[in-house]
Protein backbone atom coordinates (compact mmCIF):
# COMPACT_ATOMS: atom_id res chain seq x y z
CA UNK A 1 104.18 89.06 113.47
CA UNK A 2 103.45 86.97 110.39
CA UNK A 3 99.98 86.60 108.88
CA UNK A 4 98.55 85.10 105.72
CA UNK A 5 98.27 87.53 102.82
CA UNK A 6 94.60 86.56 102.61
CA UNK A 7 94.05 87.84 106.15
CA UNK A 8 95.68 91.25 105.66
CA UNK A 9 94.51 92.09 102.13
CA UNK A 10 91.18 93.79 101.59
CA UNK A 11 90.96 92.37 98.05
CA UNK A 12 92.83 89.39 96.64
CA UNK A 13 91.57 88.33 93.22
CA UNK A 14 92.53 87.06 89.81
CA UNK A 15 91.12 87.55 86.35
CA UNK A 16 91.99 87.21 82.70
CA UNK A 17 94.09 89.93 81.17
CA UNK A 18 93.03 88.94 77.70
CA UNK A 19 92.87 85.29 76.57
CA UNK A 20 96.57 84.63 77.08
CA UNK A 21 97.37 86.19 80.47
CA UNK A 22 96.25 86.10 84.10
CA UNK A 23 96.34 89.14 86.37
CA UNK A 24 96.45 88.90 90.15
CA UNK A 25 95.34 91.95 92.16
CA UNK A 26 96.04 92.51 95.83
CA UNK A 27 94.69 95.65 97.54
CA UNK A 28 95.01 96.78 101.14
CA UNK A 29 93.06 99.18 103.35
CA UNK A 30 96.02 99.73 105.68
CA UNK A 31 98.83 101.86 104.26
CA UNK A 32 101.35 100.63 106.84
CA UNK A 33 100.77 96.97 105.92
CA UNK A 34 100.94 97.80 102.19
CA UNK A 35 104.24 99.67 102.64
CA UNK A 36 105.71 96.89 104.75
CA UNK A 37 104.91 94.24 102.13
CA UNK A 38 106.06 96.47 99.27
CA UNK A 39 109.35 97.31 100.97
CA UNK A 40 110.02 93.73 102.06
CA UNK A 41 110.70 92.62 98.49
CA UNK A 42 108.80 89.37 99.09
CA UNK A 43 106.60 89.91 96.03
CA UNK A 44 108.99 89.12 93.18
CA UNK A 45 109.39 86.89 90.13
CA UNK A 46 111.06 84.11 92.09
CA UNK A 47 108.12 83.86 94.50
CA UNK A 48 105.53 83.94 91.71
CA UNK A 49 107.48 81.33 89.74
CA UNK A 50 107.58 79.01 92.75
CA UNK A 51 103.91 79.50 93.74
CA UNK A 52 102.58 79.05 90.21
CA UNK A 53 105.07 76.52 88.87
CA UNK A 54 106.08 78.76 85.98
CA UNK A 55 109.36 80.11 84.70
CA UNK A 56 110.21 83.76 85.48
CA UNK A 57 110.14 84.69 81.78
CA UNK A 58 106.35 84.06 81.75
CA UNK A 59 105.82 86.86 84.29
CA UNK A 60 105.24 90.04 82.33
CA UNK A 61 104.59 92.52 85.17
CA UNK A 62 104.80 93.00 88.90
CA UNK A 63 103.63 96.52 89.64
CA UNK A 64 103.05 98.28 92.95
CA UNK A 65 100.54 101.14 92.72
CA UNK A 66 100.73 103.40 95.77
CA UNK A 67 97.50 105.40 95.19
CA UNK A 68 95.48 102.16 95.36
CA UNK A 69 97.61 100.57 98.13
CA UNK A 70 98.04 97.50 95.98
CA UNK A 71 100.04 95.43 93.58
CA UNK A 72 99.33 93.63 90.34
CA UNK A 73 101.05 90.56 88.92
CA UNK A 74 100.53 89.50 85.30
CA UNK A 75 101.76 86.27 83.78
CA UNK A 76 101.17 84.20 80.66
CA UNK A 77 98.57 81.47 80.91
CA UNK A 78 99.64 77.88 80.27
CA UNK A 79 96.80 77.52 77.76
CA UNK A 80 94.55 80.24 76.40
CA UNK A 81 91.19 80.97 77.96
CA UNK A 82 88.31 78.84 76.71
CA UNK A 83 90.38 76.27 74.85
CA UNK A 84 90.31 72.54 75.39
CA UNK A 85 91.62 71.58 78.86
CA UNK A 86 91.11 75.10 80.28
CA UNK A 87 89.76 74.65 83.81
CA UNK A 88 89.21 78.34 84.65
CA UNK A 89 87.90 80.19 81.61
CA UNK A 90 87.67 83.54 83.47
CA UNK A 91 90.90 83.18 85.41
CA UNK A 92 88.89 83.88 88.56
CA UNK A 93 90.38 81.14 90.75
CA UNK A 94 94.07 81.74 90.17
CA UNK A 95 94.74 83.87 93.25
CA UNK A 96 94.61 80.81 95.55
CA UNK A 97 98.40 80.18 95.67
CA UNK A 98 98.91 83.71 97.03
CA UNK A 99 96.33 83.28 99.79
CA UNK A 100 98.55 81.26 102.12
CA UNK A 101 101.67 83.38 101.63
CA UNK A 102 102.96 84.39 105.06
CA UNK A 103 103.90 88.08 105.25
CA UNK A 104 105.42 90.15 108.04
CA UNK A 105 102.95 92.83 109.24
């Protein structure tokens, strides 16, 4: 069965990782769902590039962390936090493209 990532994650958030990067965090409270998503390979640079309209070289990390049942994605911001034309100074609204991702659970 497929569900939206937003519906199966306990926490789905974004934040600045310094003024030049965004970090996306996704945490689960169900180990089986976490393992299924981790092992599926769906979370990769190609997906992040497509969802965020960025090139793969801007993605610095995709890390799965088993003790927390979660993964972290870090990528370079288009413009630095707080500069002219920045629409999300804290990077707190950047998880939205991941919300609708359909995952097998």
